[in-house]
């Protein structure tokens, strides 16, 4: 089997058929679909059983609810293909998905573009331009860490690298677990490539309601995410200059993420004094894990200074500025978005 496509499923009865129907007509005996039902309580089980009964290339696994990382890991354990890819059950793929997966067969990691749709209309495309233009593997890894292009759904992985190195999704991490998985993989791979072709279609029709919900646990989860990310780089076999380069990029993202956590407080209905108190606590928590790395530029130095000196009003102002000018520094499906 050439490809194993892993689809974690939780209460996806409204979108699951669309997802499967985008894949099945183009498989041509070269792929298996591994459906992992993560304890759904709607009609997802019936849909999975229906499709598995009609197509021998579909493998169906039911498990008690354990979260998306648990479901993906269960799929990885069952996979038999030379390559592995991931599709979320509320998304779908382009009609040339497997043609894109076939590009750059010698690359350990392939990254491709995505389209964002809402209610059936194409809203935007996400092209991994910085990865496409990377001149070598060192440039690729630096561009990857800089952009935090963490979704596993726009990537093709070599299964042997995953299994030989015991790389799985961290099940105790609920924010940025995708980025940690991809970074751990990249630190063990040898070659990578990217294409501008968009083969994955993200349905954002219902994303806004989740993005507006306050996540009180975001700070502790973000800190855990960066512990894992720094460890992945520092424990890798990369040469020391490249490790230094990547840890500096991670440090820059680390401090920008402190302001992303402050941004999260904007969603909470809190008195001004309490908001400032929680802002300061966020700064205290991030400053406590400063790694003593040199700042790479004026912005990095300024934001690091604000966090380390716990300047709550300045942090609050910078967070508002970030909200207007760019995306926060935690990964989700789309590059650089805040994850839930």
C-alpha atoms as a PDB file:
ATOM      1  CA  UNK A   1       0.000   0.000   0.000  1.00  0.00           C
ATOM      2  CA  UNK A   2       1.401   3.394  -0.975  1.00  0.00           C
ATOM      3  CA  UNK A   3      -0.704   5.793   1.135  1.00  0.00           C
ATOM      4  CA  UNK A   4      -2.495   5.558   4.461  1.00  0.00           C
ATOM      5  CA  UNK A   5      -4.973   8.418   4.904  1.00  0.00           C
ATOM      6  CA  UNK A   6      -5.982   8.781   8.553  1.00  0.00           C
ATOM      7  CA  UNK A   7      -9.320  10.445   9.344  1.00  0.00           C
ATOM      8  CA  UNK A   8     -10.158  11.129  13.022  1.00  0.00           C
ATOM      9  CA  UNK A   9     -13.908  11.408  13.524  1.00  0.00           C
ATOM     10  CA  UNK A  10     -16.000  12.886  16.289  1.00  0.00           C
ATOM     11  CA  UNK A  11     -19.693  13.686  15.764  1.00  0.00           C
ATOM     12  CA  UNK A  12     -19.130  14.384  12.082  1.00  0.00           C
ATOM     13  CA  UNK A  13     -22.357  13.046  10.577  1.00  0.00           C
ATOM     14  CA  UNK A  14     -23.022  16.350   8.766  1.00  0.00           C
ATOM     15  CA  UNK A  15     -19.695  16.422   6.895  1.00  0.00           C
ATOM     16  CA  UNK A  16     -18.297  12.878   6.885  1.00  0.00           C
ATOM     17  CA  UNK A  17     -19.908  11.719   3.635  1.00  0.00           C
ATOM     18  CA  UNK A  18     -18.611  14.781   1.822  1.00  0.00           C
ATOM     19  CA  UNK A  19     -15.120  14.112   3.150  1.00  0.00           C
ATOM     20  CA  UNK A  20     -15.108  10.440   2.137  1.00  0.00           C
ATOM     21  CA  UNK A  21     -16.684  11.117  -1.252  1.00  0.00           C
ATOM     22  CA  UNK A  22     -13.867  13.535  -2.071  1.00  0.00           C
ATOM     23  CA  UNK A  23     -11.301  10.772  -1.510  1.00  0.00           C
ATOM     24  CA  UNK A  24     -12.827   7.524  -2.731  1.00  0.00           C
ATOM     25  CA  UNK A  25     -13.151   8.197  -6.496  1.00  0.00           C
ATOM     26  CA  UNK A  26      -9.432   8.906  -6.880  1.00  0.00           C
ATOM     27  CA  UNK A  27      -7.854   6.195  -4.716  1.00  0.00           C
ATOM     28  CA  UNK A  28      -7.317   3.662  -7.547  1.00  0.00           C
ATOM     29  CA  UNK A  29      -6.064   0.891  -5.276  1.00  0.00           C
ATOM     30  CA  UNK A  30      -3.086   2.922  -4.082  1.00  0.00           C
ATOM     31  CA  UNK A  31      -4.446   4.010  -0.710  1.00  0.00           C
ATOM     32  CA  UNK A  32      -6.257   2.895   2.403  1.00  0.00           C
ATOM     33  CA  UNK A  33      -8.566   5.095   4.435  1.00  0.00           C
ATOM     34  CA  UNK A  34      -8.327   4.569   8.181  1.00  0.00           C
ATOM     35  CA  UNK A  35     -11.431   5.924   9.884  1.00  0.00           C
ATOM     36  CA  UNK A  36     -10.995   6.339  13.638  1.00  0.00           C
ATOM     37  CA  UNK A  37     -14.278   7.092  15.371  1.00  0.00           C
ATOM     38  CA  UNK A  38     -13.355   8.796  18.641  1.00  0.00           C
ATOM     39  CA  UNK A  39     -16.480   7.897  20.584  1.00  0.00           C
ATOM     40  CA  UNK A  40     -19.006   9.779  18.459  1.00  0.00           C
ATOM     41  CA  UNK A  41     -22.530   9.990  19.844  1.00  0.00           C
ATOM     42  CA  UNK A  42     -24.261  10.965  16.594  1.00  0.00           C
ATOM     43  CA  UNK A  43     -24.709   8.997  13.366  1.00  0.00           C
ATOM     44  CA  UNK A  44     -20.994   8.849  12.483  1.00  0.00           C
ATOM     45  CA  UNK A  45     -20.735   5.170  13.416  1.00  0.00           C
ATOM     46  CA  UNK A  46     -23.456   4.176  10.944  1.00  0.00           C
ATOM     47  CA  UNK A  47     -21.829   6.173   8.147  1.00  0.00           C
ATOM     48  CA  UNK A  48     -18.421   4.616   8.841  1.00  0.00           C
ATOM     49  CA  UNK A  49     -19.845   1.098   8.848  1.00  0.00           C
ATOM     50  CA  UNK A  50     -21.772   1.775   5.648  1.00  0.00           C
ATOM     51  CA  UNK A  51     -18.713   2.972   3.737  1.00  0.00           C
ATOM     52  CA  UNK A  52     -16.424   0.262   5.169  1.00  0.00           C
ATOM     53  CA  UNK A  53     -18.877  -2.438   4.084  1.00  0.00           C
ATOM     54  CA  UNK A  54     -18.917  -1.121   0.517  1.00  0.00           C
ATOM     55  CA  UNK A  55     -15.180  -0.527   0.048  1.00  0.00           C
ATOM     56  CA  UNK A  56     -12.372  -2.871   1.049  1.00  0.00           C
ATOM     57  CA  UNK A  57      -9.879  -0.006   1.089  1.00  0.00           C
ATOM     58  CA  UNK A  58     -11.564   1.457   4.167  1.00  0.00           C
ATOM     59  CA  UNK A  59     -10.563   0.303   7.639  1.00  0.00           C
ATOM     60  CA  UNK A  60     -12.860   1.301  10.470  1.00  0.00           C
ATOM     61  CA  UNK A  61     -11.779   1.616  14.111  1.00  0.00           C
ATOM     62  CA  UNK A  62     -14.017   2.648  17.002  1.00  0.00           C
ATOM     63  CA  UNK A  63     -12.524   3.811  20.282  1.00  0.00           C
ATOM     64  CA  UNK A  64     -13.727   5.487  23.445  1.00  0.00           C
ATOM     65  CA  UNK A  65     -13.403   9.257  23.317  1.00  0.00           C
ATOM     66  CA  UNK A  66      -9.785  10.263  23.837  1.00  0.00           C
ATOM     67  CA  UNK A  67      -9.346  13.369  21.716  1.00  0.00           C
ATOM     68  CA  UNK A  68      -8.034  14.024  18.229  1.00  0.00           C
ATOM     69  CA  UNK A  69      -4.405  13.185  19.074  1.00  0.00           C
ATOM     70  CA  UNK A  70      -5.453   9.836  20.495  1.00  0.00           C
ATOM     71  CA  UNK A  71      -7.504   9.107  17.366  1.00  0.00           C
ATOM     72  CA  UNK A  72      -4.659  10.046  15.024  1.00  0.00           C
ATOM     73  CA  UNK A  73      -2.244   7.908  17.007  1.00  0.00           C
ATOM     74  CA  UNK A  74      -4.636   4.968  16.795  1.00  0.00           C
ATOM     75  CA  UNK A  75      -4.689   5.475  13.035  1.00  0.00           C
ATOM     76  CA  UNK A  76      -0.887   5.626  12.877  1.00  0.00           C
ATOM     77  CA  UNK A  77      -0.659   2.309  14.742  1.00  0.00           C
ATOM     78  CA  UNK A  78      -2.950   0.703  12.154  1.00  0.00           C
ATOM     79  CA  UNK A  79      -1.366   2.254   9.050  1.00  0.00           C
ATOM     80  CA  UNK A  80       0.446   0.087   6.505  1.00  0.00           C
ATOM     81  CA  UNK A  81       1.247   2.560   3.719  1.00  0.00           C
ATOM     82  CA  UNK A  82       4.699   3.803   2.817  1.00  0.00           C
ATOM     83  CA  UNK A  83       3.394   7.340   3.290  1.00  0.00           C
ATOM     84  CA  UNK A  84       0.888   8.763   5.765  1.00  0.00           C
ATOM     85  CA  UNK A  85      -1.423  11.747   5.408  1.00  0.00           C
ATOM     86  CA  UNK A  86      -4.232  13.166   7.540  1.00  0.00           C
ATOM     87  CA  UNK A  87      -7.661  14.525   6.663  1.00  0.00           C
ATOM     88  CA  UNK A  88     -10.109  16.012   9.159  1.00  0.00           C
ATOM     89  CA  UNK A  89     -13.669  14.773   8.852  1.00  0.00           C
ATOM     90  CA  UNK A  90     -15.122  18.278   8.485  1.00  0.00           C
ATOM     91  CA  UNK A  91     -12.820  19.064   5.539  1.00  0.00           C
ATOM     92  CA  UNK A  92     -12.276  17.536   2.094  1.00  0.00           C
ATOM     93  CA  UNK A  93      -9.576  17.165  -0.550  1.00  0.00           C
ATOM     94  CA  UNK A  94      -9.154  18.335  -4.131  1.00  0.00           C
ATOM     95  CA  UNK A  95      -9.777  16.032  -7.085  1.00  0.00           C
ATOM     96  CA  UNK A  96      -6.005  15.798  -7.688  1.00  0.00           C
ATOM     97  CA  UNK A  97      -5.116  15.050  -4.057  1.00  0.00           C
ATOM     98  CA  UNK A  98      -3.223  11.830  -4.741  1.00  0.00           C
ATOM     99  CA  UNK A  99      -1.463  13.368  -7.735  1.00  0.00           C
ATOM    100  CA  UNK A 100      -0.110  16.020  -5.385  1.00  0.00           C
ATOM    101  CA  UNK A 101       0.875  13.375  -2.809  1.00  0.00           C
ATOM    102  CA  UNK A 102       2.900  11.696  -5.576  1.00  0.00           C
ATOM    103  CA  UNK A 103       5.075  14.778  -6.093  1.00  0.00           C
ATOM    104  CA  UNK A 104       8.681  14.706  -4.843  1.00  0.00           C
ATOM    105  CA  UNK A 105       8.633  10.988  -3.930  1.00  0.00           C
ATOM    106  CA  UNK A 106      12.155  11.124  -2.481  1.00  0.00           C
ATOM    107  CA  UNK A 107      11.259  13.864   0.013  1.00  0.00           C
ATOM    108  CA  UNK A 108      10.667  12.669   3.560  1.00  0.00           C
ATOM    109  CA  UNK A 109       8.206  15.526   4.081  1.00  0.00           C
ATOM    110  CA  UNK A 110       5.998  17.118   1.434  1.00  0.00           C
ATOM    111  CA  UNK A 111       3.999  20.270   2.202  1.00  0.00           C
ATOM    112  CA  UNK A 112       1.248  21.476  -0.127  1.00  0.00           C
ATOM    113  CA  UNK A 113      -1.213  24.344  -0.303  1.00  0.00           C
ATOM    114  CA  UNK A 114      -4.705  24.627   1.162  1.00  0.00           C
ATOM    115  CA  UNK A 115      -7.908  26.423   0.220  1.00  0.00           C
ATOM    116  CA  UNK A 116     -10.183  28.041   2.779  1.00  0.00           C
ATOM    117  CA  UNK A 117     -13.897  27.769   2.048  1.00  0.00           C
ATOM    118  CA  UNK A 118     -16.973  29.024   3.854  1.00  0.00           C
ATOM    119  CA  UNK A 119     -20.462  27.827   3.007  1.00  0.00           C
ATOM    120  CA  UNK A 120     -19.211  26.427  -0.303  1.00  0.00           C
ATOM    121  CA  UNK A 121     -17.333  29.548  -1.434  1.00  0.00           C
ATOM    122  CA  UNK A 122     -13.558  29.764  -1.730  1.00  0.00           C
ATOM    123  CA  UNK A 123     -12.370  32.514   0.614  1.00  0.00           C
ATOM    124  CA  UNK A 124      -8.587  32.283   0.351  1.00  0.00           C
ATOM    125  CA  UNK A 125      -5.634  30.035  -0.401  1.00  0.00           C
ATOM    126  CA  UNK A 126      -2.734  29.231   1.909  1.00  0.00           C
ATOM    127  CA  UNK A 127       0.424  28.735  -0.118  1.00  0.00           C
ATOM    128  CA  UNK A 128       3.579  27.606   1.742  1.00  0.00           C
ATOM    129  CA  UNK A 129       5.656  30.127  -0.221  1.00  0.00           C
ATOM    130  CA  UNK A 130       8.529  30.349   2.267  1.00  0.00           C
ATOM    131  CA  UNK A 131       8.909  26.567   2.165  1.00  0.00           C
ATOM    132  CA  UNK A 132       8.688  26.405  -1.621  1.00  0.00           C
ATOM    133  CA  UNK A 133      11.488  28.949  -1.966  1.00  0.00           C
ATOM    134  CA  UNK A 134      13.785  27.361   0.649  1.00  0.00           C
ATOM    135  CA  UNK A 135      17.185  26.619  -0.909  1.00  0.00           C
ATOM    136  CA  UNK A 136      18.146  23.673   1.320  1.00  0.00           C
ATOM    137  CA  UNK A 137      16.987  21.640   4.308  1.00  0.00           C
ATOM    138  CA  UNK A 138      18.358  24.124   6.843  1.00  0.00           C
ATOM    139  CA  UNK A 139      16.407  26.936   5.180  1.00  0.00           C
ATOM    140  CA  UNK A 140      13.316  24.732   5.040  1.00  0.00           C
ATOM    141  CA  UNK A 141      13.417  23.935   8.759  1.00  0.00           C
ATOM    142  CA  UNK A 142      13.987  27.601   9.645  1.00  0.00           C
ATOM    143  CA  UNK A 143      11.069  28.694   7.451  1.00  0.00           C
ATOM    144  CA  UNK A 144       8.890  25.968   8.969  1.00  0.00           C
ATOM    145  CA  UNK A 145       9.618  27.004  12.558  1.00  0.00           C
ATOM    146  CA  UNK A 146       9.205  30.685  11.673  1.00  0.00           C
ATOM    147  CA  UNK A 147       5.782  30.174  10.070  1.00  0.00           C
ATOM    148  CA  UNK A 148       4.603  27.474  12.508  1.00  0.00           C
ATOM    149  CA  UNK A 149       3.012  25.655   9.584  1.00  0.00           C
ATOM    150  CA  UNK A 150       1.812  22.984  11.969  1.00  0.00           C
ATOM    151  CA  UNK A 151      -1.280  21.374  10.511  1.00  0.00           C
ATOM    152  CA  UNK A 152      -0.620  17.730   9.571  1.00  0.00           C
ATOM    153  CA  UNK A 153      -3.379  17.922   6.956  1.00  0.00           C
ATOM    154  CA  UNK A 154      -1.350  19.700   4.279  1.00  0.00           C
ATOM    155  CA  UNK A 155       1.562  17.294   4.551  1.00  0.00           C
ATOM    156  CA  UNK A 156       2.740  13.851   3.471  1.00  0.00           C
ATOM    157  CA  UNK A 157       4.901  11.904   5.926  1.00  0.00           C
ATOM    158  CA  UNK A 158       7.119   8.856   5.443  1.00  0.00           C
ATOM    159  CA  UNK A 159       5.721   6.211   7.788  1.00  0.00           C
ATOM    160  CA  UNK A 160       9.088   4.536   8.449  1.00  0.00           C
ATOM    161  CA  UNK A 161      10.451   7.738   9.997  1.00  0.00           C
ATOM    162  CA  UNK A 162       7.421   7.968  12.280  1.00  0.00           C
ATOM    163  CA  UNK A 163       7.621   4.357  13.440  1.00  0.00           C
ATOM    164  CA  UNK A 164      11.430   4.148  13.681  1.00  0.00           C
ATOM    165  CA  UNK A 165      11.533   7.220  15.919  1.00  0.00           C
ATOM    166  CA  UNK A 166       8.342   6.642  17.886  1.00  0.00           C
ATOM    167  CA  UNK A 167       6.855   9.944  16.715  1.00  0.00           C
ATOM    168  CA  UNK A 168       3.215  10.344  17.757  1.00  0.00           C
ATOM    169  CA  UNK A 169       0.889  13.208  18.619  1.00  0.00           C
ATOM    170  CA  UNK A 170       1.312  14.349  22.264  1.00  0.00           C
ATOM    171  CA  UNK A 171      -1.991  13.376  23.838  1.00  0.00           C
ATOM    172  CA  UNK A 172      -1.657  15.602  26.905  1.00  0.00           C
ATOM    173  CA  UNK A 173      -1.336  18.730  24.795  1.00  0.00           C
ATOM    174  CA  UNK A 174      -4.467  20.438  23.484  1.00  0.00           C
ATOM    175  CA  UNK A 175      -2.911  23.522  21.870  1.00  0.00           C
ATOM    176  CA  UNK A 176      -0.254  23.251  19.182  1.00  0.00           C
ATOM    177  CA  UNK A 177       0.015  19.462  19.368  1.00  0.00           C
ATOM    178  CA  UNK A 178       0.083  19.402  15.563  1.00  0.00           C
ATOM    179  CA  UNK A 179       3.113  21.701  15.459  1.00  0.00           C
ATOM    180  CA  UNK A 180       4.985  19.601  18.009  1.00  0.00           C
ATOM    181  CA  UNK A 181       4.281  16.443  16.006  1.00  0.00           C
ATOM    182  CA  UNK A 182       5.457  18.024  12.760  1.00  0.00           C
ATOM    183  CA  UNK A 183       8.539  19.578  14.356  1.00  0.00           C
ATOM    184  CA  UNK A 184       9.579  16.284  15.955  1.00  0.00           C
ATOM    185  CA  UNK A 185       9.220  14.660  12.552  1.00  0.00           C
ATOM    186  CA  UNK A 186      11.197  17.378  10.797  1.00  0.00           C
ATOM    187  CA  UNK A 187      14.022  16.994  13.307  1.00  0.00           C
ATOM    188  CA  UNK A 188      14.328  13.317  12.334  1.00  0.00           C
ATOM    189  CA  UNK A 189      13.750  13.626   8.582  1.00  0.00           C
ATOM    190  CA  UNK A 190      16.529  14.332   6.091  1.00  0.00           C
ATOM    191  CA  UNK A 191      14.770  15.859   3.097  1.00  0.00           C
ATOM    192  CA  UNK A 192      11.718  18.025   2.509  1.00  0.00           C
ATOM    193  CA  UNK A 193       9.890  19.719  -0.338  1.00  0.00           C
ATOM    194  CA  UNK A 194       6.891  21.977  -0.833  1.00  0.00           C
ATOM    195  CA  UNK A 195       4.517  22.718  -3.689  1.00  0.00           C
ATOM    196  CA  UNK A 196       2.151  25.608  -4.339  1.00  0.00           C
ATOM    197  CA  UNK A 197      -0.571  23.212  -5.529  1.00  0.00           C
ATOM    198  CA  UNK A 198      -3.606  23.324  -3.219  1.00  0.00           C
ATOM    199  CA  UNK A 199      -4.771  19.801  -2.453  1.00  0.00           C
ATOM    200  CA  UNK A 200      -6.532  20.268   0.884  1.00  0.00           C
ATOM    201  CA  UNK A 201      -9.795  22.152   1.391  1.00  0.00           C
ATOM    202  CA  UNK A 202     -10.591  23.581   4.824  1.00  0.00           C
ATOM    203  CA  UNK A 203     -14.244  24.238   5.601  1.00  0.00           C
ATOM    204  CA  UNK A 204     -14.453  27.235   7.928  1.00  0.00           C
ATOM    205  CA  UNK A 205     -18.243  27.456   7.894  1.00  0.00           C
ATOM    206  CA  UNK A 206     -18.502  26.866  11.648  1.00  0.00           C
ATOM    207  CA  UNK A 207     -15.053  27.990  12.811  1.00  0.00           C
ATOM    208  CA  UNK A 208     -15.953  31.459  14.035  1.00  0.00           C
ATOM    209  CA  UNK A 209     -18.093  30.296  16.929  1.00  0.00           C
ATOM    210  CA  UNK A 210     -15.180  28.323  18.406  1.00  0.00           C
ATOM    211  CA  UNK A 211     -12.641  31.083  17.818  1.00  0.00           C
ATOM    212  CA  UNK A 212     -14.652  33.492  19.948  1.00  0.00           C
ATOM    213  CA  UNK A 213     -14.731  31.257  23.024  1.00  0.00           C
ATOM    214  CA  UNK A 214     -12.433  32.166  25.905  1.00  0.00           C
ATOM    215  CA  UNK A 215      -9.872  29.483  26.729  1.00  0.00           C
ATOM    216  CA  UNK A 216      -8.799  29.911  30.349  1.00  0.00           C
ATOM    217  CA  UNK A 217      -6.137  27.190  29.991  1.00  0.00           C
ATOM    218  CA  UNK A 218      -4.361  28.724  27.010  1.00  0.00           C
ATOM    219  CA  UNK A 219      -1.320  29.987  28.908  1.00  0.00           C
ATOM    220  CA  UNK A 220      -0.357  26.674  30.531  1.00  0.00           C
ATOM    221  CA  UNK A 221      -0.988  24.827  27.272  1.00  0.00           C
ATOM    222  CA  UNK A 222       1.140  27.297  25.296  1.00  0.00           C
ATOM    223  CA  UNK A 223       3.999  26.955  27.769  1.00  0.00           C
ATOM    224  CA  UNK A 224       3.844  23.177  27.526  1.00  0.00           C
ATOM    225  CA  UNK A 225       3.796  23.469  23.737  1.00  0.00           C
ATOM    226  CA  UNK A 226       7.042  25.432  23.736  1.00  0.00           C
ATOM    227  CA  UNK A 227       8.712  23.074  26.198  1.00  0.00           C
ATOM    228  CA  UNK A 228       8.056  20.288  23.708  1.00  0.00           C
ATOM    229  CA  UNK A 229       9.171  22.400  20.742  1.00  0.00           C
ATOM    230  CA  UNK A 230      12.487  23.463  22.322  1.00  0.00           C
ATOM    231  CA  UNK A 231      13.145  19.878  23.393  1.00  0.00           C
ATOM    232  CA  UNK A 232      12.523  18.625  19.845  1.00  0.00           C
ATOM    233  CA  UNK A 233      15.181  20.967  18.468  1.00  0.00           C
ATOM    234  CA  UNK A 234      17.728  20.572  21.257  1.00  0.00           C
ATOM    235  CA  UNK A 235      17.517  16.755  21.235  1.00  0.00           C
ATOM    236  CA  UNK A 236      17.882  16.542  17.450  1.00  0.00           C
ATOM    237  CA  UNK A 237      21.029  15.585  15.540  1.00  0.00           C
ATOM    238  CA  UNK A 238      21.240  18.969  13.817  1.00  0.00           C
ATOM    239  CA  UNK A 239      24.533  20.843  13.799  1.00  0.00           C
ATOM    240  CA  UNK A 240      24.855  23.378  16.626  1.00  0.00           C
ATOM    241  CA  UNK A 241      24.623  26.484  14.379  1.00  0.00           C
ATOM    242  CA  UNK A 242      21.273  25.296  13.045  1.00  0.00           C
ATOM    243  CA  UNK A 243      20.061  24.460  16.545  1.00  0.00           C
ATOM    244  CA  UNK A 244      20.996  27.971  17.623  1.00  0.00           C
ATOM    245  CA  UNK A 245      19.151  29.437  14.662  1.00  0.00           C
ATOM    246  CA  UNK A 246      15.981  27.442  15.327  1.00  0.00           C
ATOM    247  CA  UNK A 247      15.941  28.098  19.067  1.00  0.00           C
ATOM    248  CA  UNK A 248      16.239  31.832  18.413  1.00  0.00           C
ATOM    249  CA  UNK A 249      13.245  31.658  16.061  1.00  0.00           C
ATOM    250  CA  UNK A 250      11.342  29.640  18.670  1.00  0.00           C
ATOM    251  CA  UNK A 251      12.247  32.224  21.309  1.00  0.00           C
ATOM    252  CA  UNK A 252      10.859  35.007  19.123  1.00  0.00           C
ATOM    253  CA  UNK A 253       7.614  33.052  18.654  1.00  0.00           C
ATOM    254  CA  UNK A 254       7.570  32.241  22.368  1.00  0.00           C
ATOM    255  CA  UNK A 255       7.388  35.884  23.375  1.00  0.00           C
ATOM    256  CA  UNK A 256       4.855  36.756  20.682  1.00  0.00           C
ATOM    257  CA  UNK A 257       2.744  33.911  22.048  1.00  0.00           C
ATOM    258  CA  UNK A 258       2.748  35.591  25.453  1.00  0.00           C
ATOM    259  CA  UNK A 259       0.852  38.448  23.814  1.00  0.00           C
ATOM    260  CA  UNK A 260      -1.428  35.960  22.048  1.00  0.00           C
ATOM    261  CA  UNK A 261      -2.338  34.671  25.506  1.00  0.00           C
ATOM    262  CA  UNK A 262      -3.049  38.229  26.616  1.00  0.00           C
ATOM    263  CA  UNK A 263      -5.239  38.591  23.517  1.00  0.00           C
ATOM    264  CA  UNK A 264      -7.265  35.627  24.735  1.00  0.00           C
ATOM    265  CA  UNK A 265      -8.275  37.699  27.762  1.00  0.00           C
ATOM    266  CA  UNK A 266     -10.082  40.095  25.410  1.00  0.00           C
ATOM    267  CA  UNK A 267     -12.712  37.377  24.929  1.00  0.00           C
ATOM    268  CA  UNK A 268     -13.471  37.136  28.643  1.00  0.00           C
ATOM    269  CA  UNK A 269     -16.032  39.351  30.336  1.00  0.00           C
ATOM    270  CA  UNK A 270     -13.750  40.658  33.086  1.00  0.00           C
ATOM    271  CA  UNK A 271     -13.423  43.911  35.050  1.00  0.00           C
ATOM    272  CA  UNK A 272     -10.439  45.986  33.947  1.00  0.00           C
ATOM    273  CA  UNK A 273      -8.515  45.361  37.185  1.00  0.00           C
ATOM    274  CA  UNK A 274      -8.967  41.598  36.902  1.00  0.00           C
ATOM    275  CA  UNK A 275      -7.960  41.675  33.234  1.00  0.00           C
ATOM    276  CA  UNK A 276      -4.747  43.509  34.129  1.00  0.00           C
ATOM    277  CA  UNK A 277      -4.085  41.085  36.983  1.00  0.00           C
ATOM    278  CA  UNK A 278      -4.388  38.122  34.654  1.00  0.00           C
ATOM    279  CA  UNK A 279      -2.251  39.907  32.094  1.00  0.00           C
ATOM    280  CA  UNK A 280       0.507  40.303  34.668  1.00  0.00           C
ATOM    281  CA  UNK A 281       0.192  36.643  35.691  1.00  0.00           C
ATOM    282  CA  UNK A 282       0.637  35.644  32.053  1.00  0.00           C
ATOM    283  CA  UNK A 283       3.818  37.722  31.903  1.00  0.00           C
ATOM    284  CA  UNK A 284       5.053  36.171  35.158  1.00  0.00           C
ATOM    285  CA  UNK A 285       4.471  32.665  33.813  1.00  0.00           C
ATOM    286  CA  UNK A 286       6.269  33.328  30.522  1.00  0.00           C
ATOM    287  CA  UNK A 287       9.147  35.211  32.165  1.00  0.00           C
ATOM    288  CA  UNK A 288       9.706  32.289  34.558  1.00  0.00           C
ATOM    289  CA  UNK A 289      10.669  30.065  31.634  1.00  0.00           C
ATOM    290  CA  UNK A 290      13.008  32.485  29.864  1.00  0.00           C
ATOM    291  CA  UNK A 291      15.831  30.449  28.359  1.00  0.00           C
ATOM    292  CA  UNK A 292      18.456  33.170  28.302  1.00  0.00           C
ATOM    293  CA  UNK A 293      18.653  33.241  24.510  1.00  0.00           C
ATOM    294  CA  UNK A 294      19.806  36.363  22.650  1.00  0.00           C
ATOM    295  CA  UNK A 295      17.130  38.481  21.006  1.00  0.00           C
ATOM    296  CA  UNK A 296      17.265  38.572  17.229  1.00  0.00           C
ATOM    297  CA  UNK A 297      16.003  42.078  16.537  1.00  0.00           C
ATOM    298  CA  UNK A 298      14.389  45.224  17.906  1.00  0.00           C
ATOM    299  CA  UNK A 299      10.877  43.756  18.089  1.00  0.00           C
ATOM    300  CA  UNK A 300      12.146  40.617  19.800  1.00  0.00           C
ATOM    301  CA  UNK A 301      14.122  42.667  22.355  1.00  0.00           C
ATOM    302  CA  UNK A 302      11.201  44.988  23.057  1.00  0.00           C
ATOM    303  CA  UNK A 303       8.625  42.251  23.542  1.00  0.00           C
ATOM    304  CA  UNK A 304      11.036  40.205  25.626  1.00  0.00           C
ATOM    305  CA  UNK A 305      11.695  43.240  27.829  1.00  0.00           C
ATOM    306  CA  UNK A 306       7.969  43.867  28.374  1.00  0.00           C
ATOM    307  CA  UNK A 307       7.408  40.265  29.425  1.00  0.00           C
ATOM    308  CA  UNK A 308      10.475  39.952  31.642  1.00  0.00           C
ATOM    309  CA  UNK A 309       9.699  43.236  33.442  1.00  0.00           C
ATOM    310  CA  UNK A 310       6.011  42.304  33.698  1.00  0.00           C
ATOM    311  CA  UNK A 311       4.791  45.579  32.216  1.00  0.00           C
ATOM    312  CA  UNK A 312       1.074  44.802  32.137  1.00  0.00           C
ATOM    313  CA  UNK A 313      -0.169  47.990  30.512  1.00  0.00           C
ATOM    314  CA  UNK A 314       2.472  47.800  27.773  1.00  0.00           C
ATOM    315  CA  UNK A 315       1.662  44.117  27.195  1.00  0.00           C
ATOM    316  CA  UNK A 316      -2.024  44.916  26.956  1.00  0.00           C
ATOM    317  CA  UNK A 317      -1.310  47.624  24.359  1.00  0.00           C
ATOM    318  CA  UNK A 318       1.003  45.374  22.318  1.00  0.00           C
ATOM    319  CA  UNK A 319      -1.560  42.577  22.371  1.00  0.00           C
ATOM    320  CA  UNK A 320      -4.174  44.948  20.974  1.00  0.00           C
ATOM    321  CA  UNK A 321      -1.729  46.038  18.271  1.00  0.00           C
ATOM    322  CA  UNK A 322      -1.024  42.419  17.330  1.00  0.00           C
ATOM    323  CA  UNK A 323      -4.733  41.777  17.123  1.00  0.00           C
ATOM    324  CA  UNK A 324      -5.046  44.458  14.470  1.00  0.00           C
ATOM    325  CA  UNK A 325      -1.892  43.793  12.450  1.00  0.00           C
ATOM    326  CA  UNK A 326      -1.206  40.066  12.311  1.00  0.00           C
ATOM    327  CA  UNK A 327      -2.127  36.558  13.417  1.00  0.00           C
ATOM    328  CA  UNK A 328      -1.244  35.166  16.820  1.00  0.00           C
ATOM    329  CA  UNK A 329       1.645  32.771  17.226  1.00  0.00           C
ATOM    330  CA  UNK A 330      -0.061  29.472  17.996  1.00  0.00           C
ATOM    331  CA  UNK A 331      -0.827  26.983  15.227  1.00  0.00           C
ATOM    332  CA  UNK A 332      -4.172  25.662  14.055  1.00  0.00           C
ATOM    333  CA  UNK A 333      -5.329  24.464  10.641  1.00  0.00           C
ATOM    334  CA  UNK A 334      -4.339  27.717   9.009  1.00  0.00           C
ATOM    335  CA  UNK A 335      -0.775  28.910   9.296  1.00  0.00           C
ATOM    336  CA  UNK A 336      -0.159  30.949  12.429  1.00  0.00           C
ATOM    337  CA  UNK A 337      -3.702  30.985  13.802  1.00  0.00           C
ATOM    338  CA  UNK A 338      -4.651  30.522  17.417  1.00  0.00           C
ATOM    339  CA  UNK A 339      -5.550  26.932  18.199  1.00  0.00           C
ATOM    340  CA  UNK A 340      -8.303  25.619  20.430  1.00  0.00           C
END
